[in-house]
Amino acid sequence: MLWFKSFHLIFITTWFAALFYLPRLFVYHAEAQDATGVARFKVMERRLFWAIMTPSAALTSLFGFWLWLGYGIGGGWLMWKLALVALLLAYHLWCYLRMRDFARDRNRRSAAHYRWMNEAPSVLLVAIVLLAVVKPL
């Protein structure tokens, strides 16, 4: 089980790294004026999303599920944690939709919007870690 827990933590880390970085790329992409820069951001966003972010999310979920099966853990804290993970998955989907808008040159949001949205995973990370470690419920 410790192997599963280790891999769960590794993939949480890589998933969050991507969740923090992709909206930051959106900030720079929204500010980009030249065609070369715009094209570069499209490639960076696509590679980050499909090569790191999505596999990390899938593997985080898979190892988390195995941990749940192996330890048989439960309780109110876990239900709240899973609800926050569901919000995180919704944020992941939001990132995909924004990336698709940029890929089609249809972004309608400002760089400031993406700066604010870049903070959402931080709030979720703090809440999820506190629930998993402290188990207040």
C-alpha atoms as a PDB file:
ATOM      1  CA  MET A   1       0.000   0.000   0.000  1.00  0.00           C
ATOM      2  CA  LEU A   2       2.881   2.369   0.644  1.00  0.00           C
ATOM      3  CA  TRP A   3       3.837   2.075  -3.034  1.00  0.00           C
ATOM      4  CA  PHE A   4       0.319   3.152  -4.016  1.00  0.00           C
ATOM      5  CA  LYS A   5       0.428   6.012  -1.533  1.00  0.00           C
ATOM      6  CA  SER A   6       3.821   7.128  -2.883  1.00  0.00           C
ATOM      7  CA  PHE A   7       2.644   7.102  -6.483  1.00  0.00           C
ATOM      8  CA  HIS A   8      -0.582   8.863  -5.486  1.00  0.00           C
ATOM      9  CA  LEU A   9       1.484  11.677  -3.937  1.00  0.00           C
ATOM     10  CA  ILE A  10       3.858  11.833  -6.923  1.00  0.00           C
ATOM     11  CA  PHE A  11       1.015  12.193  -9.401  1.00  0.00           C
ATOM     12  CA  ILE A  12      -0.821  14.704  -7.200  1.00  0.00           C
ATOM     13  CA  THR A  13       2.344  16.798  -7.310  1.00  0.00           C
ATOM     14  CA  THR A  14       2.697  16.621 -11.092  1.00  0.00           C
ATOM     15  CA  TRP A  15      -1.012  17.274 -11.602  1.00  0.00           C
ATOM     16  CA  PHE A  16      -0.930  20.366  -9.411  1.00  0.00           C
ATOM     17  CA  ALA A  17       2.246  21.614 -11.064  1.00  0.00           C
ATOM     18  CA  ALA A  18       0.389  21.511 -14.371  1.00  0.00           C
ATOM     19  CA  LEU A  19      -2.774  23.015 -12.854  1.00  0.00           C
ATOM     20  CA  PHE A  20      -0.671  25.937 -11.623  1.00  0.00           C
ATOM     21  CA  TYR A  21       1.281  26.360 -14.856  1.00  0.00           C
ATOM     22  CA  LEU A  22      -1.402  26.048 -17.553  1.00  0.00           C
ATOM     23  CA  PRO A  23      -3.460  29.074 -16.428  1.00  0.00           C
ATOM     24  CA  ARG A  24      -0.185  31.017 -16.189  1.00  0.00           C
ATOM     25  CA  LEU A  25       0.432  30.119 -19.834  1.00  0.00           C
ATOM     26  CA  PHE A  26      -3.067  31.401 -20.544  1.00  0.00           C
ATOM     27  CA  VAL A  27      -2.080  34.741 -18.976  1.00  0.00           C
ATOM     28  CA  TYR A  28       0.916  35.035 -21.290  1.00  0.00           C
ATOM     29  CA  HIS A  29      -1.060  33.752 -24.275  1.00  0.00           C
ATOM     30  CA  ALA A  30      -3.794  36.345 -23.702  1.00  0.00           C
ATOM     31  CA  GLU A  31      -1.105  39.049 -23.675  1.00  0.00           C
ATOM     32  CA  ALA A  32       0.767  37.723 -26.742  1.00  0.00           C
ATOM     33  CA  GLN A  33       0.661  39.984 -29.781  1.00  0.00           C
ATOM     34  CA  ASP A  34       2.891  38.231 -32.320  1.00  0.00           C
ATOM     35  CA  ALA A  35       1.951  35.180 -34.379  1.00  0.00           C
ATOM     36  CA  THR A  36       5.100  33.300 -33.372  1.00  0.00           C
ATOM     37  CA  GLY A  37       4.371  33.766 -29.670  1.00  0.00           C
ATOM     38  CA  VAL A  38       0.735  32.763 -30.088  1.00  0.00           C
ATOM     39  CA  ALA A  39       1.739  29.605 -31.971  1.00  0.00           C
ATOM     40  CA  ARG A  40       4.334  28.754 -29.310  1.00  0.00           C
ATOM     41  CA  PHE A  41       1.783  29.070 -26.506  1.00  0.00           C
ATOM     42  CA  LYS A  42      -0.664  26.822 -28.352  1.00  0.00           C
ATOM     43  CA  VAL A  43       1.973  24.088 -28.565  1.00  0.00           C
ATOM     44  CA  MET A  44       3.060  24.518 -24.939  1.00  0.00           C
ATOM     45  CA  GLU A  45      -0.525  24.424 -23.676  1.00  0.00           C
ATOM     46  CA  ARG A  46      -1.426  21.350 -25.701  1.00  0.00           C
ATOM     47  CA  ARG A  47       1.680  19.428 -24.648  1.00  0.00           C
ATOM     48  CA  LEU A  48       1.278  20.344 -20.991  1.00  0.00           C
ATOM     49  CA  PHE A  49      -2.384  19.377 -20.965  1.00  0.00           C
ATOM     50  CA  TRP A  50      -2.118  16.063 -22.815  1.00  0.00           C
ATOM     51  CA  ALA A  51       1.372  14.866 -21.821  1.00  0.00           C
ATOM     52  CA  ILE A  52       1.464  15.868 -18.142  1.00  0.00           C
ATOM     53  CA  MET A  53      -1.777  17.247 -16.740  1.00  0.00           C
ATOM     54  CA  THR A  54      -4.305  14.685 -17.952  1.00  0.00           C
ATOM     55  CA  PRO A  55      -2.182  11.556 -17.355  1.00  0.00           C
ATOM     56  CA  SER A  56      -1.317  12.898 -13.888  1.00  0.00           C
ATOM     57  CA  ALA A  57      -4.999  13.462 -13.086  1.00  0.00           C
ATOM     58  CA  ALA A  58      -5.868   9.959 -14.260  1.00  0.00           C
ATOM     59  CA  LEU A  59      -3.036   8.331 -12.313  1.00  0.00           C
ATOM     60  CA  THR A  60      -3.804  10.393  -9.195  1.00  0.00           C
ATOM     61  CA  SER A  61      -7.389   9.151  -9.361  1.00  0.00           C
ATOM     62  CA  LEU A  62      -6.352   5.553 -10.042  1.00  0.00           C
ATOM     63  CA  PHE A  63      -3.891   5.357  -7.149  1.00  0.00           C
ATOM     64  CA  GLY A  64      -6.342   7.182  -4.880  1.00  0.00           C
ATOM     65  CA  PHE A  65      -9.005   4.608  -5.730  1.00  0.00           C
ATOM     66  CA  TRP A  66      -6.580   1.777  -4.983  1.00  0.00           C
ATOM     67  CA  LEU A  67      -5.747   3.386  -1.645  1.00  0.00           C
ATOM     68  CA  TRP A  68      -9.427   3.612  -0.805  1.00  0.00           C
ATOM     69  CA  LEU A  69      -9.904  -0.065  -1.694  1.00  0.00           C
ATOM     70  CA  GLY A  70      -6.779  -1.153   0.154  1.00  0.00           C
ATOM     71  CA  TYR A  71      -7.307   0.784   3.344  1.00  0.00           C
ATOM     72  CA  GLY A  72     -11.100   0.812   3.311  1.00  0.00           C
ATOM     73  CA  ILE A  73     -11.059   4.350   4.619  1.00  0.00           C
ATOM     74  CA  GLY A  74     -14.160   6.421   4.933  1.00  0.00           C
ATOM     75  CA  GLY A  75     -15.864   9.112   6.900  1.00  0.00           C
ATOM     76  CA  GLY A  76     -17.112  12.635   6.448  1.00  0.00           C
ATOM     77  CA  TRP A  77     -13.660  14.021   5.707  1.00  0.00           C
ATOM     78  CA  LEU A  78     -13.305  11.665   2.731  1.00  0.00           C
ATOM     79  CA  MET A  79     -16.662  12.697   1.283  1.00  0.00           C
ATOM     80  CA  TRP A  80     -15.653  16.358   1.526  1.00  0.00           C
ATOM     81  CA  LYS A  81     -12.261  15.591   0.029  1.00  0.00           C
ATOM     82  CA  LEU A  82     -13.864  13.752  -2.885  1.00  0.00           C
ATOM     83  CA  ALA A  83     -16.237  16.671  -3.425  1.00  0.00           C
ATOM     84  CA  LEU A  84     -13.228  19.005  -3.641  1.00  0.00           C
ATOM     85  CA  VAL A  85     -11.476  16.584  -6.005  1.00  0.00           C
ATOM     86  CA  ALA A  86     -14.618  16.721  -8.164  1.00  0.00           C
ATOM     87  CA  LEU A  87     -14.252  20.531  -8.224  1.00  0.00           C
ATOM     88  CA  LEU A  88     -10.617  20.054  -9.188  1.00  0.00           C
ATOM     89  CA  LEU A  89     -11.664  17.807 -12.062  1.00  0.00           C
ATOM     90  CA  ALA A  90     -14.167  20.478 -13.121  1.00  0.00           C
ATOM     91  CA  TYR A  91     -11.299  23.001 -13.071  1.00  0.00           C
ATOM     92  CA  HIS A  92      -9.283  20.579 -15.206  1.00  0.00           C
ATOM     93  CA  LEU A  93     -12.171  20.548 -17.695  1.00  0.00           C
ATOM     94  CA  TRP A  94     -12.345  24.364 -17.547  1.00  0.00           C
ATOM     95  CA  CYS A  95      -8.645  24.443 -18.479  1.00  0.00           C
ATOM     96  CA  TYR A  96      -9.327  22.141 -21.420  1.00  0.00           C
ATOM     97  CA  LEU A  97     -12.142  24.380 -22.675  1.00  0.00           C
ATOM     98  CA  ARG A  98      -9.971  27.499 -22.381  1.00  0.00           C
ATOM     99  CA  MET A  99      -7.108  25.730 -24.162  1.00  0.00           C
ATOM    100  CA  ARG A 100      -9.513  24.785 -26.959  1.00  0.00           C
ATOM    101  CA  ASP A 101     -10.651  28.423 -27.212  1.00  0.00           C
ATOM    102  CA  PHE A 102      -7.045  29.565 -27.543  1.00  0.00           C
ATOM    103  CA  ALA A 103      -6.308  26.845 -30.118  1.00  0.00           C
ATOM    104  CA  ARG A 104      -9.199  28.156 -32.239  1.00  0.00           C
ATOM    105  CA  ASP A 105      -8.227  31.810 -31.666  1.00  0.00           C
ATOM    106  CA  ARG A 106     -11.499  32.368 -29.811  1.00  0.00           C
ATOM    107  CA  ASN A 107     -10.285  33.520 -26.412  1.00  0.00           C
ATOM    108  CA  ARG A 108     -12.558  36.238 -25.040  1.00  0.00           C
ATOM    109  CA  ARG A 109     -11.069  36.520 -21.553  1.00  0.00           C
ATOM    110  CA  SER A 110      -8.428  38.918 -20.285  1.00  0.00           C
ATOM    111  CA  ALA A 111      -5.041  38.115 -18.823  1.00  0.00           C
ATOM    112  CA  ALA A 112      -6.366  39.427 -15.490  1.00  0.00           C
ATOM    113  CA  HIS A 113      -9.156  36.822 -15.583  1.00  0.00           C
ATOM    114  CA  TYR A 114      -6.591  34.045 -15.975  1.00  0.00           C
ATOM    115  CA  ARG A 115      -4.475  35.506 -13.160  1.00  0.00           C
ATOM    116  CA  TRP A 116      -7.451  35.186 -10.820  1.00  0.00           C
ATOM    117  CA  MET A 117      -8.348  31.722 -12.062  1.00  0.00           C
ATOM    118  CA  ASN A 118      -4.746  30.664 -11.496  1.00  0.00           C
ATOM    119  CA  GLU A 119      -5.434  30.874  -7.744  1.00  0.00           C
ATOM    120  CA  ALA A 120      -8.308  28.359  -7.656  1.00  0.00           C
ATOM    121  CA  PRO A 121      -6.147  25.219  -7.459  1.00  0.00           C
ATOM    122  CA  SER A 122      -4.223  26.718  -4.515  1.00  0.00           C
ATOM    123  CA  VAL A 123      -7.396  27.034  -2.457  1.00  0.00           C
ATOM    124  CA  LEU A 124      -8.443  23.499  -3.354  1.00  0.00           C
ATOM    125  CA  LEU A 125      -4.979  22.118  -2.582  1.00  0.00           C
ATOM    126  CA  VAL A 126      -4.962  23.610   0.916  1.00  0.00           C
ATOM    127  CA  ALA A 127      -8.450  22.321   1.690  1.00  0.00           C
ATOM    128  CA  ILE A 128      -7.764  18.821   0.310  1.00  0.00           C
ATOM    129  CA  VAL A 129      -4.485  18.431   2.200  1.00  0.00           C
ATOM    130  CA  LEU A 130      -6.035  19.645   5.450  1.00  0.00           C
ATOM    131  CA  LEU A 131      -8.922  17.214   5.089  1.00  0.00           C
ATOM    132  CA  ALA A 132      -6.604  14.290   4.255  1.00  0.00           C
ATOM    133  CA  VAL A 133      -4.130  14.952   7.060  1.00  0.00           C
ATOM    134  CA  VAL A 134      -6.254  16.358   9.895  1.00  0.00           C
ATOM    135  CA  LYS A 135      -9.460  14.405   9.080  1.00  0.00           C
ATOM    136  CA  PRO A 136     -11.636  16.879  11.003  1.00  0.00           C
ATOM    137  CA  LEU A 137     -14.965  15.204  10.208  1.00  0.00           C
END
